Amino acid sequence: MDPIRVLIADDHEPFRAGLRAALALADDIELAGEARDGPGAVAQAQRLQPDVVLMDLKMPGFDGIEATRRITGASPHIGVVVLTMLEDDESVFAALRSGARGYVLKGALRERLIRAVRAAADGEAVFGPAIARRIANYFARQTRPAAAFPELTDREREVLTLVAQHRTNPEIARRLDLSPKTVRNHVSNIFAKLQVAGRAEAIIQAREAGLGR
């Protein structure tokens, strides 16, 4: 079986070096080439015709969204997997609209990255756990009435839902792939916005609004 040929598109050499090292450990994957900016990614994809492109979103020239649109438009058989630090809804759905076949956050475990490359090469859509939850939450919001506690951000509402399920901060951190400090900050913001003194009052309000059941 021919190896999966991968093009890396990222403007940071240290990160590209890390990707090279990670891909080199997989016997069925080989590096086809590298690009440092959007125009270079498009040109290299057209010239090399890799099976998969690992695409950063923030690059010189034009960004990874535009590069993905041009690559998939010209060569729809190439699977583009976005590999980025950005996890906001706008970035995620812009990437998917441009034709990306997957979206994985930088910092993912090597095994997860390798799985993403193999899945994209097979024509499958692949998302990291945090991104999959954002997509599920996005479509859930489209089919339900106006969310409770509109003063809360989507992430704060996620945290409050878990608080209402009597989850501890460490449990919430593991569940949402967040640091404990970030969870503590979210919880403090929730208490302030709901004007409650602590967890017990927050749980009562959340349960009355239908969260956490």
Protein backbone atom coordinates (compact mmCIF):
# COMPACT_ATOMS: atom_id res chain seq x y z
CA MET A 1 0.00 0.00 0.00
CA ASP A 2 1.29 3.44 -0.91
CA PRO A 3 2.07 5.75 2.03
CA ILE A 4 -0.16 8.70 2.84
CA ARG A 5 1.57 11.80 1.51
CA VAL A 6 1.19 14.88 3.73
CA LEU A 7 1.86 18.55 3.05
CA ILE A 8 2.46 20.74 6.11
CA ALA A 9 1.35 24.39 5.82
CA ASP A 10 2.44 26.51 8.79
CA ASP A 11 4.54 29.65 9.10
CA HIS A 12 6.40 28.56 12.27
CA GLU A 13 9.45 26.41 11.62
CA PRO A 14 9.62 24.97 15.17
CA PHE A 15 6.03 23.76 14.86
CA ARG A 16 6.70 22.28 11.41
CA ALA A 17 9.70 20.48 12.87
CA GLY A 18 7.50 18.99 15.58
CA LEU A 19 5.01 17.82 12.98
CA ARG A 20 7.77 16.30 10.87
CA ALA A 21 8.97 14.34 13.89
CA ALA A 22 5.46 13.17 14.75
CA LEU A 23 4.67 12.05 11.21
CA ALA A 24 8.01 10.28 10.86
CA LEU A 25 6.97 7.82 13.58
CA ALA A 26 4.10 6.50 11.43
CA ASP A 27 5.20 3.88 8.89
CA ASP A 28 2.28 4.57 6.58
CA ILE A 29 2.79 8.35 6.33
CA GLU A 30 5.45 10.32 4.48
CA LEU A 31 6.14 14.04 4.22
CA ALA A 32 5.36 15.35 0.73
CA GLY A 33 6.43 18.94 1.36
CA GLU A 34 6.05 22.10 3.41
CA ALA A 35 4.69 25.62 2.92
CA ARG A 36 5.17 28.77 4.99
CA ASP A 37 2.22 30.86 3.77
CA GLY A 38 -1.14 30.66 2.06
CA PRO A 39 0.05 31.12 -1.53
CA GLY A 40 2.81 28.58 -0.95
CA ALA A 41 0.33 26.05 0.42
CA VAL A 42 -1.86 26.38 -2.68
CA ALA A 43 1.12 26.16 -5.06
CA GLN A 44 2.63 23.17 -3.28
CA ALA A 45 -0.70 21.35 -3.13
CA GLN A 46 -1.20 21.84 -6.86
CA ARG A 47 2.34 20.72 -7.67
CA LEU A 48 2.70 17.81 -5.23
CA GLN A 49 -0.90 16.57 -5.09
CA PRO A 50 -0.62 15.23 -1.52
CA ASP A 51 -3.28 13.07 0.05
CA VAL A 52 -3.63 15.34 3.08
CA VAL A 53 -2.73 18.94 3.93
CA LEU A 54 -2.23 19.94 7.58
CA MET A 55 -3.30 23.57 7.41
CA ASP A 56 -2.69 26.40 9.87
CA LEU A 57 -5.28 29.19 9.77
CA LYS A 58 -3.08 32.20 10.51
CA MET A 59 -0.45 32.53 7.78
CA PRO A 60 1.09 35.32 5.67
CA GLY A 61 -0.12 36.07 2.16
CA PHE A 62 -3.65 34.87 2.73
CA ASP A 63 -4.99 32.75 5.54
CA GLY A 64 -5.64 29.04 5.79
CA ILE A 65 -9.35 29.49 5.09
CA GLU A 66 -8.66 30.95 1.66
CA ALA A 67 -5.88 28.44 1.02
CA THR A 68 -8.24 25.59 1.88
CA ARG A 69 -10.94 26.96 -0.40
CA ARG A 70 -8.52 27.16 -3.33
CA ILE A 71 -6.99 23.74 -2.72
CA THR A 72 -10.28 21.87 -2.33
CA GLY A 73 -11.79 23.77 -5.24
CA ALA A 74 -8.99 22.72 -7.59
CA SER A 75 -8.30 19.28 -6.08
CA PRO A 76 -11.30 18.00 -4.12
CA HIS A 77 -9.58 14.65 -3.54
CA ILE A 78 -7.04 16.34 -1.22
CA GLY A 79 -8.13 16.15 2.41
CA VAL A 80 -7.41 19.34 4.32
CA VAL A 81 -7.16 19.05 8.10
CA VAL A 82 -7.01 22.38 9.89
CA LEU A 83 -4.45 22.35 12.70
CA THR A 84 -4.72 25.54 14.73
CA MET A 85 -4.99 27.19 18.14
CA LEU A 86 -8.32 28.80 17.19
CA GLU A 87 -11.48 27.10 18.46
CA ASP A 88 -14.13 29.82 18.10
CA ASP A 89 -17.28 29.04 16.14
CA GLU A 90 -16.44 31.53 13.39
CA SER A 91 -13.09 29.88 12.63
CA VAL A 92 -14.46 26.34 12.86
CA PHE A 93 -17.39 26.88 10.52
CA ALA A 94 -15.44 29.07 8.11
CA ALA A 95 -12.96 26.21 7.75
CA LEU A 96 -15.71 23.68 7.15
CA ARG A 97 -17.42 25.93 4.59
CA SER A 98 -14.10 26.28 2.76
CA GLY A 99 -13.92 22.51 2.33
CA ALA A 100 -11.78 21.35 5.26
CA ARG A 101 -12.25 17.69 6.08
CA GLY A 102 -11.15 18.01 9.69
CA TYR A 103 -10.32 20.45 12.47
CA VAL A 104 -7.83 19.58 15.21
CA LEU A 105 -6.38 21.88 17.85
CA LYS A 106 -2.64 22.31 18.10
CA GLY A 107 -1.39 20.47 21.13
CA ALA A 108 -3.37 17.34 20.31
CA LEU A 109 -1.64 14.09 21.19
CA ARG A 110 0.49 12.59 18.41
CA GLU A 111 -1.81 9.57 18.19
CA ARG A 112 -4.80 11.83 17.62
CA LEU A 113 -2.96 13.72 14.90
CA ILE A 114 -2.00 10.50 13.13
CA ARG A 115 -5.59 9.27 13.33
CA ALA A 116 -6.76 12.57 11.81
CA VAL A 117 -4.35 12.21 8.88
CA ARG A 118 -5.42 8.63 8.20
CA ALA A 119 -9.11 9.50 8.46
CA ALA A 120 -8.79 12.47 6.09
CA ALA A 121 -6.90 10.31 3.60
CA ASP A 122 -9.82 7.86 3.70
CA GLY A 123 -12.30 10.66 2.98
CA GLU A 124 -13.67 10.84 6.52
CA ALA A 125 -14.42 13.99 8.51
CA VAL A 126 -12.42 14.22 11.71
CA PHE A 127 -12.55 16.60 14.67
CA GLY A 128 -10.81 16.79 18.01
CA PRO A 129 -13.04 16.26 21.07
CA ALA A 130 -13.32 19.95 21.94
CA ILE A 131 -14.25 20.89 18.37
CA ALA A 132 -16.76 18.03 18.08
CA ARG A 133 -18.51 19.38 21.19
CA ARG A 134 -18.61 22.90 19.75
CA ILE A 135 -20.19 21.60 16.54
CA ALA A 136 -22.75 19.54 18.47
CA ASN A 137 -23.56 22.50 20.71
CA TYR A 138 -23.89 24.80 17.71
CA PHE A 139 -26.49 22.60 16.02
CA ALA A 140 -28.25 22.00 19.32
CA ARG A 141 -28.64 25.75 19.72
CA GLN A 142 -30.25 25.97 16.29
CA THR A 143 -33.04 23.58 17.29
CA ARG A 144 -33.92 24.72 20.80
CA PRO A 145 -35.59 27.84 22.22
CA ALA A 146 -33.54 30.83 23.32
CA ALA A 147 -30.86 29.70 25.76
CA ALA A 148 -31.27 30.27 29.45
CA PHE A 149 -29.04 32.92 31.00
CA PRO A 150 -28.28 34.94 27.85
CA GLU A 151 -25.77 36.95 29.86
CA LEU A 152 -23.50 33.91 29.97
CA THR A 153 -21.13 32.93 27.18
CA ASP A 154 -21.53 29.52 25.54
CA ARG A 155 -18.55 28.21 27.50
CA GLU A 156 -19.92 29.59 30.79
CA ARG A 157 -23.24 27.89 30.07
CA GLU A 158 -21.39 24.61 29.48
CA VAL A 159 -19.62 25.03 32.81
CA LEU A 160 -22.86 25.92 34.61
CA THR A 161 -24.55 22.84 33.20
CA LEU A 162 -21.81 20.67 34.66
CA VAL A 163 -21.94 22.56 37.96
CA ALA A 164 -25.68 21.79 38.04
CA GLN A 165 -24.76 18.11 37.66
CA HIS A 166 -22.70 18.48 40.84
CA ARG A 167 -19.40 18.14 38.98
CA THR A 168 -16.32 19.42 40.77
CA ASN A 169 -13.97 21.94 39.14
CA PRO A 170 -11.32 19.25 38.38
CA GLU A 171 -14.01 17.06 36.79
CA ILE A 172 -15.22 19.99 34.68
CA ALA A 173 -11.65 20.77 33.61
CA ARG A 174 -11.14 17.20 32.40
CA ARG A 175 -14.54 17.07 30.70
CA LEU A 176 -14.00 20.31 28.74
CA ASP A 177 -10.25 19.98 28.15
CA LEU A 178 -9.62 23.16 30.15
CA SER A 179 -7.09 24.03 32.82
CA PRO A 180 -8.34 24.10 36.43
CA LYS A 181 -7.53 27.81 36.61
CA THR A 182 -9.68 28.52 33.56
CA VAL A 183 -12.58 26.60 35.10
CA ARG A 184 -12.24 28.55 38.35
CA ASN A 185 -12.38 31.80 36.40
CA HIS A 186 -15.48 30.67 34.51
CA VAL A 187 -17.19 29.66 37.76
CA SER A 188 -16.38 33.03 39.35
CA ASN A 189 -17.77 34.86 36.30
CA ILE A 190 -20.93 32.75 36.43
CA PHE A 191 -21.50 33.53 40.11
CA ALA A 192 -21.03 37.24 39.43
CA LYS A 193 -23.37 37.31 36.42
CA LEU A 194 -26.06 35.29 38.19
CA GLN A 195 -25.54 37.31 41.37
CA VAL A 196 -25.31 34.20 43.54
CA ALA A 197 -23.13 33.64 46.59
CA GLY A 198 -21.96 30.15 45.74
CA ARG A 199 -22.45 26.79 44.08
CA ALA A 200 -25.68 25.85 45.85
CA GLU A 201 -27.54 28.94 44.63
CA ALA A 202 -26.09 28.56 41.13
CA ILE A 203 -27.26 24.94 40.99
CA ILE A 204 -30.79 25.92 42.06
CA GLN A 205 -31.04 28.60 39.35
CA ALA A 206 -29.55 26.30 36.71
CA ARG A 207 -31.88 23.42 37.55
CA GLU A 208 -34.92 25.71 37.52
CA ALA A 209 -33.87 26.83 34.02
CA GLY A 210 -33.59 23.23 32.86
CA LEU A 211 -29.81 22.89 32.87
CA GLY A 212 -28.04 19.84 34.21
CA ARG A 213 -31.01 17.49 34.25
